[in-house]
Amino acid sequence: MRLSAELIGSCEQRTNPLGEREIVLRGLAIPVIEHLGVTRNAFDAMDLTDNRLGRLENFPRLARLSCLYLSGNVIETIDPSNLSKNLPNLTYLDLSHNHISSLFEVSNLGEASKKLEFLNLQGNPVQRRQHYRLYTIKHIPSLKVLDYQRITKTERERADRLSRSAAG
């Protein structure tokens, strides 16, 4: 189903348990991100869980948006320039159970989201890559929680050492 202005207008809009204005666009088989400008930057959180999104791109300017739920899609690639320009206040990103397999895409997230504090990549092929956690911690320095585990000072030090080594 295409993401149209009519569909966006008819979807559930609520105040979530955290007190954030949220729009729920889950389970609609949406293949691409489009027409989100009609939300007029009115939401703190957007739930695009369980759709068919393959790329994280094409967001309009949504300065208010801080939480993005994208679990259960087929996302493989991330457009860092679009995210950094149009989602400047993104702090929470759930990309669990997608198809992200490259550490390069993780570094794209770091380039795109300077305020990102919570990231979930569980269920993605990239999680099986050697040094995945340390690489992610190093390339997204603002992170506080990765895959539902708090990042420790020791992990930050290990990530720093790894990045300076031949393996990094």
N, C-alpha and C. Protein backbone atom coordinates (compact mmCIF):
# COMPACT_ATOMS: atom_id res chain seq x y z
N MET A 1 0.84 -1.17 0.00
CA MET A 1 0.00 0.00 0.00
C MET A 1 0.89 1.24 0.00
N ARG A 2 0.59 2.17 -0.85
CA ARG A 2 1.37 3.40 -0.91
C ARG A 2 1.00 4.32 0.25
N LEU A 3 1.98 5.04 0.69
CA LEU A 3 1.79 5.99 1.79
C LEU A 3 1.27 7.29 1.20
N SER A 4 -0.01 7.53 1.33
CA SER A 4 -0.64 8.72 0.76
C SER A 4 -1.06 9.68 1.88
N ALA A 5 -1.40 10.89 1.48
CA ALA A 5 -1.87 11.88 2.45
C ALA A 5 -3.17 11.40 3.11
N GLU A 6 -4.03 10.73 2.34
CA GLU A 6 -5.28 10.22 2.89
C GLU A 6 -5.01 9.13 3.94
N LEU A 7 -4.09 8.24 3.63
CA LEU A 7 -3.75 7.17 4.56
C LEU A 7 -3.17 7.74 5.86
N ILE A 8 -2.28 8.69 5.72
CA ILE A 8 -1.67 9.32 6.90
C ILE A 8 -2.74 9.99 7.75
N GLY A 9 -3.67 10.67 7.11
CA GLY A 9 -4.74 11.35 7.82
C GLY A 9 -5.68 10.41 8.55
N SER A 10 -5.82 9.17 8.04
CA SER A 10 -6.75 8.23 8.65
C SER A 10 -6.10 7.32 9.69
N CYS A 11 -4.79 7.36 9.83
CA CYS A 11 -4.08 6.50 10.78
C CYS A 11 -4.22 7.00 12.21
N GLU A 12 -4.00 6.08 13.14
CA GLU A 12 -4.10 6.40 14.56
C GLU A 12 -3.05 7.44 14.94
N GLN A 13 -3.50 8.45 15.64
CA GLN A 13 -2.63 9.48 16.19
C GLN A 13 -2.96 9.57 17.67
N ARG A 14 -1.92 9.48 18.50
CA ARG A 14 -2.19 9.39 19.94
C ARG A 14 -1.06 10.02 20.74
N THR A 15 -1.31 10.13 22.03
CA THR A 15 -0.24 10.47 22.97
C THR A 15 0.20 9.15 23.57
N ASN A 16 1.47 8.80 23.38
CA ASN A 16 1.95 7.51 23.87
C ASN A 16 2.24 7.57 25.37
N PRO A 17 2.60 6.45 26.00
CA PRO A 17 2.84 6.43 27.45
C PRO A 17 3.94 7.39 27.93
N LEU A 18 4.81 7.82 27.02
CA LEU A 18 5.87 8.77 27.39
C LEU A 18 5.42 10.22 27.24
N GLY A 19 4.16 10.40 26.84
CA GLY A 19 3.64 11.75 26.68
C GLY A 19 3.99 12.37 25.34
N GLU A 20 4.46 11.57 24.40
CA GLU A 20 4.85 12.07 23.08
C GLU A 20 3.68 11.93 22.11
N ARG A 21 3.57 12.88 21.21
CA ARG A 21 2.59 12.76 20.12
C ARG A 21 3.14 11.74 19.13
N GLU A 22 2.34 10.72 18.82
CA GLU A 22 2.80 9.61 17.99
C GLU A 22 1.78 9.32 16.88
N ILE A 23 2.28 9.00 15.71
CA ILE A 23 1.45 8.53 14.61
C ILE A 23 1.80 7.07 14.36
N VAL A 24 0.79 6.24 14.19
CA VAL A 24 0.98 4.80 14.04
C VAL A 24 0.69 4.41 12.59
N LEU A 25 1.73 4.02 11.87
CA LEU A 25 1.63 3.60 10.47
C LEU A 25 2.14 2.18 10.34
N ARG A 26 1.82 1.33 11.27
CA ARG A 26 2.38 -0.01 11.32
C ARG A 26 1.52 -1.01 10.56
N GLY A 27 2.21 -2.00 9.96
CA GLY A 27 1.54 -3.12 9.32
C GLY A 27 0.72 -2.77 8.10
N LEU A 28 1.15 -1.77 7.35
CA LEU A 28 0.39 -1.33 6.18
C LEU A 28 1.05 -1.71 4.85
N ALA A 29 2.11 -2.50 4.89
CA ALA A 29 2.85 -2.95 3.69
C ALA A 29 3.38 -1.77 2.87
N ILE A 30 3.79 -0.71 3.55
CA ILE A 30 4.31 0.49 2.88
C ILE A 30 5.69 0.18 2.30
N PRO A 31 5.89 0.39 0.97
CA PRO A 31 7.18 0.06 0.36
C PRO A 31 8.22 1.18 0.40
N VAL A 32 7.78 2.44 0.42
CA VAL A 32 8.72 3.57 0.43
C VAL A 32 8.16 4.69 1.31
N ILE A 33 9.07 5.51 1.83
CA ILE A 33 8.67 6.66 2.62
C ILE A 33 8.35 7.80 1.67
N GLU A 34 7.13 8.30 1.75
CA GLU A 34 6.70 9.41 0.91
C GLU A 34 5.53 10.13 1.58
N HIS A 35 5.34 11.38 1.21
CA HIS A 35 4.20 12.20 1.66
C HIS A 35 4.15 12.45 3.17
N LEU A 36 5.24 12.25 3.89
CA LEU A 36 5.21 12.49 5.34
C LEU A 36 5.16 13.98 5.68
N GLY A 37 5.36 14.82 4.69
CA GLY A 37 5.26 16.26 4.91
C GLY A 37 3.87 16.69 5.38
N VAL A 38 2.85 15.89 5.05
CA VAL A 38 1.49 16.24 5.47
C VAL A 38 1.31 16.14 6.99
N THR A 39 2.26 15.50 7.68
CA THR A 39 2.18 15.45 9.14
C THR A 39 2.51 16.81 9.76
N ARG A 40 3.10 17.69 8.98
CA ARG A 40 3.41 19.07 9.39
C ARG A 40 4.21 19.14 10.69
N ASN A 41 5.14 18.20 10.82
CA ASN A 41 6.05 18.22 11.97
C ASN A 41 5.29 18.20 13.30
N ALA A 42 4.18 17.48 13.34
CA ALA A 42 3.32 17.48 14.52
C ALA A 42 3.59 16.33 15.49
N PHE A 43 4.57 15.47 15.17
CA PHE A 43 4.75 14.26 15.97
C PHE A 43 6.16 14.14 16.52
N ASP A 44 6.23 13.62 17.76
CA ASP A 44 7.51 13.32 18.39
C ASP A 44 7.97 11.91 18.03
N ALA A 45 7.01 11.02 17.76
CA ALA A 45 7.31 9.62 17.48
C ALA A 45 6.51 9.15 16.27
N MET A 46 7.14 8.26 15.49
CA MET A 46 6.50 7.70 14.31
C MET A 46 6.74 6.20 14.31
N ASP A 47 5.66 5.44 14.20
CA ASP A 47 5.74 3.98 14.21
C ASP A 47 5.49 3.45 12.80
N LEU A 48 6.56 3.00 12.15
CA LEU A 48 6.49 2.41 10.81
C LEU A 48 6.87 0.93 10.87
N THR A 49 6.56 0.29 11.98
CA THR A 49 6.88 -1.12 12.19
C THR A 49 6.09 -2.01 11.24
N ASP A 50 6.71 -3.13 10.85
CA ASP A 50 6.06 -4.18 10.06
C ASP A 50 5.49 -3.68 8.74
N ASN A 51 6.32 -2.99 7.98
CA ASN A 51 5.98 -2.59 6.63
C ASN A 51 6.97 -3.27 5.67
N ARG A 52 7.15 -2.71 4.48
CA ARG A 52 8.08 -3.29 3.49
C ARG A 52 9.15 -2.30 3.07
N LEU A 53 9.53 -1.43 3.96
CA LEU A 53 10.53 -0.42 3.65
C LEU A 53 11.89 -1.07 3.43
N GLY A 54 12.54 -0.72 2.32
CA GLY A 54 13.85 -1.28 2.01
C GLY A 54 15.00 -0.30 2.22
N ARG A 55 14.68 0.98 2.22
CA ARG A 55 15.70 2.03 2.39
C ARG A 55 15.20 3.06 3.40
N LEU A 56 16.12 3.56 4.19
CA LEU A 56 15.80 4.62 5.14
C LEU A 56 16.19 5.93 4.47
N GLU A 57 15.20 6.56 3.81
CA GLU A 57 15.46 7.75 3.00
C GLU A 57 14.15 8.52 2.78
N ASN A 58 14.28 9.66 2.13
CA ASN A 58 13.15 10.44 1.63
C ASN A 58 12.27 11.03 2.73
N PHE A 59 12.86 11.35 3.87
CA PHE A 59 12.10 12.02 4.92
C PHE A 59 12.04 13.52 4.62
N PRO A 60 10.89 14.15 4.82
CA PRO A 60 10.83 15.61 4.77
C PRO A 60 11.40 16.16 6.08
N ARG A 61 11.52 17.45 6.17
CA ARG A 61 12.02 18.06 7.41
C ARG A 61 11.01 17.82 8.54
N LEU A 62 11.44 17.06 9.54
CA LEU A 62 10.61 16.75 10.71
C LEU A 62 11.46 17.01 11.96
N ALA A 63 11.67 18.27 12.27
CA ALA A 63 12.56 18.65 13.36
C ALA A 63 12.06 18.17 14.72
N ARG A 64 10.77 17.99 14.87
CA ARG A 64 10.21 17.57 16.16
C ARG A 64 10.40 16.07 16.41
N LEU A 65 10.52 15.29 15.36
CA LEU A 65 10.57 13.83 15.48
C LEU A 65 11.83 13.39 16.23
N SER A 66 11.63 12.67 17.33
CA SER A 66 12.77 12.18 18.10
C SER A 66 12.82 10.66 18.18
N CYS A 67 11.69 9.98 17.95
CA CYS A 67 11.63 8.52 18.04
C CYS A 67 11.08 7.95 16.74
N LEU A 68 11.79 6.94 16.23
CA LEU A 68 11.38 6.31 14.98
C LEU A 68 11.44 4.80 15.15
N TYR A 69 10.29 4.16 14.99
CA TYR A 69 10.17 2.71 15.14
C TYR A 69 10.06 2.09 13.76
N LEU A 70 11.06 1.30 13.37
CA LEU A 70 11.12 0.72 12.03
C LEU A 70 11.37 -0.78 12.07
N SER A 71 11.03 -1.42 13.15
CA SER A 71 11.25 -2.86 13.30
C SER A 71 10.42 -3.64 12.29
N GLY A 72 10.96 -4.78 11.84
CA GLY A 72 10.19 -5.68 11.00
C GLY A 72 10.00 -5.23 9.57
N ASN A 73 10.89 -4.42 9.06
CA ASN A 73 10.86 -4.04 7.65
C ASN A 73 11.93 -4.85 6.92
N VAL A 74 12.35 -4.40 5.76
CA VAL A 74 13.42 -5.07 5.01
C VAL A 74 14.53 -4.06 4.68
N ILE A 75 14.76 -3.13 5.59
CA ILE A 75 15.72 -2.04 5.37
C ILE A 75 17.13 -2.61 5.26
N GLU A 76 17.81 -2.22 4.16
CA GLU A 76 19.20 -2.62 3.92
C GLU A 76 20.14 -1.43 3.92
N THR A 77 19.64 -0.27 3.48
CA THR A 77 20.51 0.90 3.33
C THR A 77 19.91 2.13 4.00
N ILE A 78 20.81 3.06 4.32
CA ILE A 78 20.46 4.28 5.04
C ILE A 78 21.05 5.47 4.29
N ASP A 79 20.26 6.50 4.07
CA ASP A 79 20.73 7.72 3.41
C ASP A 79 21.12 8.72 4.51
N PRO A 80 22.42 8.84 4.81
CA PRO A 80 22.83 9.70 5.93
C PRO A 80 22.56 11.18 5.70
N SER A 81 22.67 11.65 4.46
CA SER A 81 22.46 13.08 4.22
C SER A 81 21.00 13.45 4.43
N ASN A 82 20.07 12.59 4.01
CA ASN A 82 18.65 12.87 4.22
C ASN A 82 18.32 12.87 5.71
N LEU A 83 18.82 11.88 6.45
CA LEU A 83 18.51 11.81 7.88
C LEU A 83 19.10 12.99 8.64
N SER A 84 20.35 13.33 8.37
CA SER A 84 20.98 14.41 9.13
C SER A 84 20.32 15.75 8.85
N LYS A 85 19.89 15.96 7.63
CA LYS A 85 19.26 17.23 7.25
C LYS A 85 17.81 17.31 7.74
N ASN A 86 17.09 16.21 7.70
CA ASN A 86 15.64 16.27 7.92
C ASN A 86 15.15 15.69 9.25
N LEU A 87 15.99 14.93 9.94
CA LEU A 87 15.62 14.41 11.27
C LEU A 87 16.71 14.78 12.28
N PRO A 88 16.92 16.07 12.50
CA PRO A 88 18.07 16.49 13.31
C PRO A 88 17.98 16.14 14.79
N ASN A 89 16.79 15.84 15.30
CA ASN A 89 16.63 15.58 16.73
C ASN A 89 16.31 14.13 17.05
N LEU A 90 16.66 13.24 16.14
CA LEU A 90 16.40 11.82 16.35
C LEU A 90 17.28 11.28 17.47
N THR A 91 16.65 10.77 18.53
CA THR A 91 17.39 10.22 19.66
C THR A 91 17.14 8.73 19.87
N TYR A 92 16.04 8.22 19.33
CA TYR A 92 15.65 6.82 19.53
C TYR A 92 15.35 6.21 18.16
N LEU A 93 16.03 5.11 17.84
CA LEU A 93 15.83 4.46 16.54
C LEU A 93 15.80 2.95 16.73
N ASP A 94 14.67 2.35 16.39
CA ASP A 94 14.53 0.89 16.45
C ASP A 94 14.52 0.34 15.03
N LEU A 95 15.62 -0.29 14.65
CA LEU A 95 15.77 -0.92 13.34
C LEU A 95 15.88 -2.44 13.49
N SER A 96 15.32 -2.98 14.55
CA SER A 96 15.43 -4.42 14.77
C SER A 96 14.72 -5.20 13.68
N HIS A 97 15.24 -6.39 13.41
CA HIS A 97 14.65 -7.33 12.47
C HIS A 97 14.46 -6.73 11.08
N ASN A 98 15.55 -6.16 10.57
CA ASN A 98 15.62 -5.67 9.21
C ASN A 98 16.73 -6.45 8.50
N HIS A 99 17.26 -5.92 7.41
CA HIS A 99 18.29 -6.63 6.62
C HIS A 99 19.60 -5.86 6.55
N ILE A 100 19.92 -5.08 7.56
CA ILE A 100 21.17 -4.32 7.57
C ILE A 100 22.31 -5.29 7.82
N SER A 101 23.24 -5.37 6.86
CA SER A 101 24.31 -6.36 6.96
C SER A 101 25.70 -5.74 6.96
N SER A 102 25.81 -4.46 6.67
CA SER A 102 27.10 -3.83 6.51
C SER A 102 27.43 -2.88 7.66
N LEU A 103 28.68 -2.93 8.11
CA LEU A 103 29.13 -1.96 9.11
C LEU A 103 29.15 -0.55 8.53
N PHE A 104 29.26 -0.46 7.21
CA PHE A 104 29.19 0.85 6.54
C PHE A 104 27.86 1.53 6.83
N GLU A 105 26.77 0.77 6.85
CA GLU A 105 25.46 1.35 7.15
C GLU A 105 25.40 1.83 8.60
N VAL A 106 26.08 1.14 9.49
CA VAL A 106 26.17 1.58 10.89
C VAL A 106 26.89 2.92 10.96
N SER A 107 27.99 3.06 10.22
CA SER A 107 28.70 4.34 10.21
C SER A 107 27.85 5.43 9.57
N ASN A 108 27.00 5.06 8.59
CA ASN A 108 26.06 6.04 8.03
C ASN A 108 25.12 6.57 9.10
N LEU A 109 24.68 5.70 9.99
CA LEU A 109 23.82 6.14 11.10
C LEU A 109 24.54 7.13 11.99
N GLY A 110 25.82 6.85 12.27
CA GLY A 110 26.60 7.76 13.09
C GLY A 110 26.78 9.11 12.43
N GLU A 111 26.98 9.10 11.12
CA GLU A 111 27.12 10.34 10.36
C GLU A 111 25.81 11.12 10.34
N ALA A 112 24.70 10.40 10.28
CA ALA A 112 23.40 11.02 10.10
C ALA A 112 22.77 11.52 11.39
N SER A 113 23.01 10.84 12.49
CA SER A 113 22.26 11.10 13.72
C SER A 113 23.18 11.46 14.87
N LYS A 114 23.53 12.70 14.96
CA LYS A 114 24.49 13.17 15.96
C LYS A 114 23.92 13.15 17.38
N LYS A 115 22.59 13.06 17.52
CA LYS A 115 21.97 13.06 18.85
C LYS A 115 21.43 11.69 19.24
N LEU A 116 21.69 10.67 18.43
CA LEU A 116 21.13 9.34 18.67
C LEU A 116 21.66 8.76 19.99
N GLU A 117 20.75 8.40 20.89
CA GLU A 117 21.12 7.85 22.19
C GLU A 117 20.73 6.39 22.35
N PHE A 118 19.68 5.96 21.67
CA PHE A 118 19.18 4.59 21.78
C PHE A 118 19.07 4.01 20.38
N LEU A 119 19.73 2.88 20.16
CA LEU A 119 19.69 2.21 18.86
C LEU A 119 19.49 0.72 19.08
N ASN A 120 18.54 0.15 18.35
CA ASN A 120 18.31 -1.29 18.40
C ASN A 120 18.50 -1.86 17.00
N LEU A 121 19.48 -2.73 16.85
CA LEU A 121 19.75 -3.42 15.58
C LEU A 121 19.63 -4.94 15.74
N GLN A 122 18.98 -5.39 16.79
CA GLN A 122 18.83 -6.82 17.00
C GLN A 122 18.12 -7.46 15.81
N GLY A 123 18.54 -8.67 15.46
CA GLY A 123 17.91 -9.39 14.37
C GLY A 123 18.37 -8.98 12.99
N ASN A 124 19.40 -8.14 12.90
CA ASN A 124 19.99 -7.76 11.62
C ASN A 124 21.27 -8.57 11.41
N PRO A 125 21.59 -8.91 10.15
CA PRO A 125 22.81 -9.67 9.88
C PRO A 125 24.08 -8.97 10.39
N VAL A 126 24.09 -7.64 10.46
CA VAL A 126 25.27 -6.91 10.90
C VAL A 126 25.67 -7.28 12.33
N GLN A 127 24.72 -7.73 13.11
CA GLN A 127 25.01 -8.10 14.50
C GLN A 127 25.98 -9.26 14.60
N ARG A 128 26.06 -10.07 13.56
CA ARG A 128 26.96 -11.23 13.57
C ARG A 128 28.37 -10.87 13.12
N ARG A 129 28.59 -9.64 12.72
CA ARG A 129 29.92 -9.21 12.27
C ARG A 129 30.86 -9.08 13.46
N GLN A 130 32.12 -9.45 13.23
CA GLN A 130 33.12 -9.34 14.29
C GLN A 130 33.25 -7.88 14.72
N HIS A 131 33.30 -7.65 16.00
CA HIS A 131 33.47 -6.32 16.61
C HIS A 131 32.29 -5.38 16.33
N TYR A 132 31.14 -5.93 15.99
CA TYR A 132 29.95 -5.11 15.68
C TYR A 132 29.65 -4.10 16.79
N ARG A 133 29.58 -4.57 18.01
CA ARG A 133 29.19 -3.69 19.11
C ARG A 133 30.21 -2.58 19.32
N LEU A 134 31.49 -2.93 19.34
CA LEU A 134 32.54 -1.92 19.55
C LEU A 134 32.59 -0.93 18.39
N TYR A 135 32.44 -1.43 17.18
CA TYR A 135 32.43 -0.57 15.99
C TYR A 135 31.28 0.44 16.09
N THR A 136 30.11 -0.04 16.46
CA THR A 136 28.92 0.82 16.56
C THR A 136 29.13 1.87 17.64
N ILE A 137 29.67 1.47 18.77
CA ILE A 137 29.92 2.41 19.87
C ILE A 137 30.89 3.51 19.42
N LYS A 138 31.92 3.12 18.69
CA LYS A 138 32.92 4.09 18.22
C LYS A 138 32.34 5.05 17.18
N HIS A 139 31.53 4.54 16.26
CA HIS A 139 31.03 5.37 15.16
C HIS A 139 29.77 6.17 15.49
N ILE A 140 29.15 5.86 16.62
CA ILE A 140 28.00 6.66 17.06
C ILE A 140 28.26 7.05 18.52
N PRO A 141 29.12 8.05 18.73
CA PRO A 141 29.57 8.40 20.09
C PRO A 141 28.47 8.89 21.02
N SER A 142 27.36 9.35 20.49
CA SER A 142 26.27 9.84 21.34
C SER A 142 25.44 8.71 21.95
N LEU A 143 25.63 7.47 21.49
CA LEU A 143 24.83 6.34 21.99
C LEU A 143 25.01 6.11 23.48
N LYS A 144 23.90 5.82 24.14
CA LYS A 144 23.93 5.43 25.55
C LYS A 144 23.48 3.98 25.71
N VAL A 145 22.60 3.53 24.80
CA VAL A 145 22.07 2.17 24.85
C VAL A 145 22.11 1.58 23.44
N LEU A 146 22.68 0.38 23.32
CA LEU A 146 22.73 -0.33 22.05
C LEU A 146 22.13 -1.71 22.26
N ASP A 147 21.12 -2.05 21.48
CA ASP A 147 20.46 -3.35 21.55
C ASP A 147 19.99 -3.66 22.98
N TYR A 148 19.41 -2.69 23.61
CA TYR A 148 18.84 -2.79 24.96
C TYR A 148 19.89 -3.03 26.05
N GLN A 149 21.15 -2.75 25.75
CA GLN A 149 22.21 -2.87 26.76
C GLN A 149 22.91 -1.52 26.89
N ARG A 150 22.99 -1.04 28.14
CA ARG A 150 23.67 0.22 28.39
C ARG A 150 25.14 0.10 28.00
N ILE A 151 25.66 1.14 27.40
CA ILE A 151 27.07 1.17 26.99
C ILE A 151 27.90 1.63 28.19
N THR A 152 28.91 0.84 28.51
CA THR A 152 29.74 1.14 29.67
C THR A 152 30.98 1.94 29.27
N LYS A 153 31.60 2.53 30.26
CA LYS A 153 32.84 3.27 30.02
C LYS A 153 33.93 2.32 29.51
N THR A 154 33.96 1.13 30.04
CA THR A 154 34.93 0.12 29.61
C THR A 154 34.75 -0.21 28.13
N GLU A 155 33.51 -0.35 27.70
CA GLU A 155 33.24 -0.63 26.28
C GLU A 155 33.71 0.53 25.41
N ARG A 156 33.49 1.75 25.85
CA ARG A 156 33.95 2.91 25.07
C ARG A 156 35.47 2.91 24.94
N GLU A 157 36.14 2.55 26.03
CA GLU A 157 37.61 2.48 25.98
C GLU A 157 38.08 1.37 25.04
N ARG A 158 37.43 0.21 25.10
CA ARG A 158 37.77 -0.90 24.20
C ARG A 158 37.51 -0.53 22.74
N ALA A 159 36.40 0.18 22.48
CA ALA A 159 36.08 0.61 21.12
C ALA A 159 37.13 1.58 20.60
N ASP A 160 37.59 2.46 21.49
CA ASP A 160 38.63 3.40 21.11
C ASP A 160 39.94 2.69 20.79
N ARG A 161 40.30 1.72 21.61
CA ARG A 161 41.53 0.95 21.36
C ARG A 161 41.42 0.17 20.06
N LEU A 162 40.28 -0.44 19.83
CA LEU A 162 40.08 -1.22 18.60
C LEU A 162 40.20 -0.33 17.37
N SER A 163 39.63 0.86 17.41
CA SER A 163 39.68 1.74 16.25
C SER A 163 41.11 2.18 15.92
N ARG A 164 41.98 2.20 16.93
CA ARG A 164 43.37 2.58 16.71
C ARG A 164 44.25 1.39 16.33
N SER A 165 43.71 0.18 16.43
CA SER A 165 44.49 -1.02 16.11
C SER A 165 44.36 -1.36 14.63
N ALA A 166 45.09 -2.36 14.19
CA ALA A 166 45.04 -2.82 12.79
C ALA A 166 43.67 -3.42 12.46
N ALA A 167 42.98 -3.98 13.45
CA ALA A 167 41.68 -4.59 13.21
C ALA A 167 40.57 -3.57 13.04
N GLY A 168 40.80 -2.34 13.52
CA GLY A 168 39.77 -1.30 13.49
C GLY A 168 39.75 -0.57 12.22
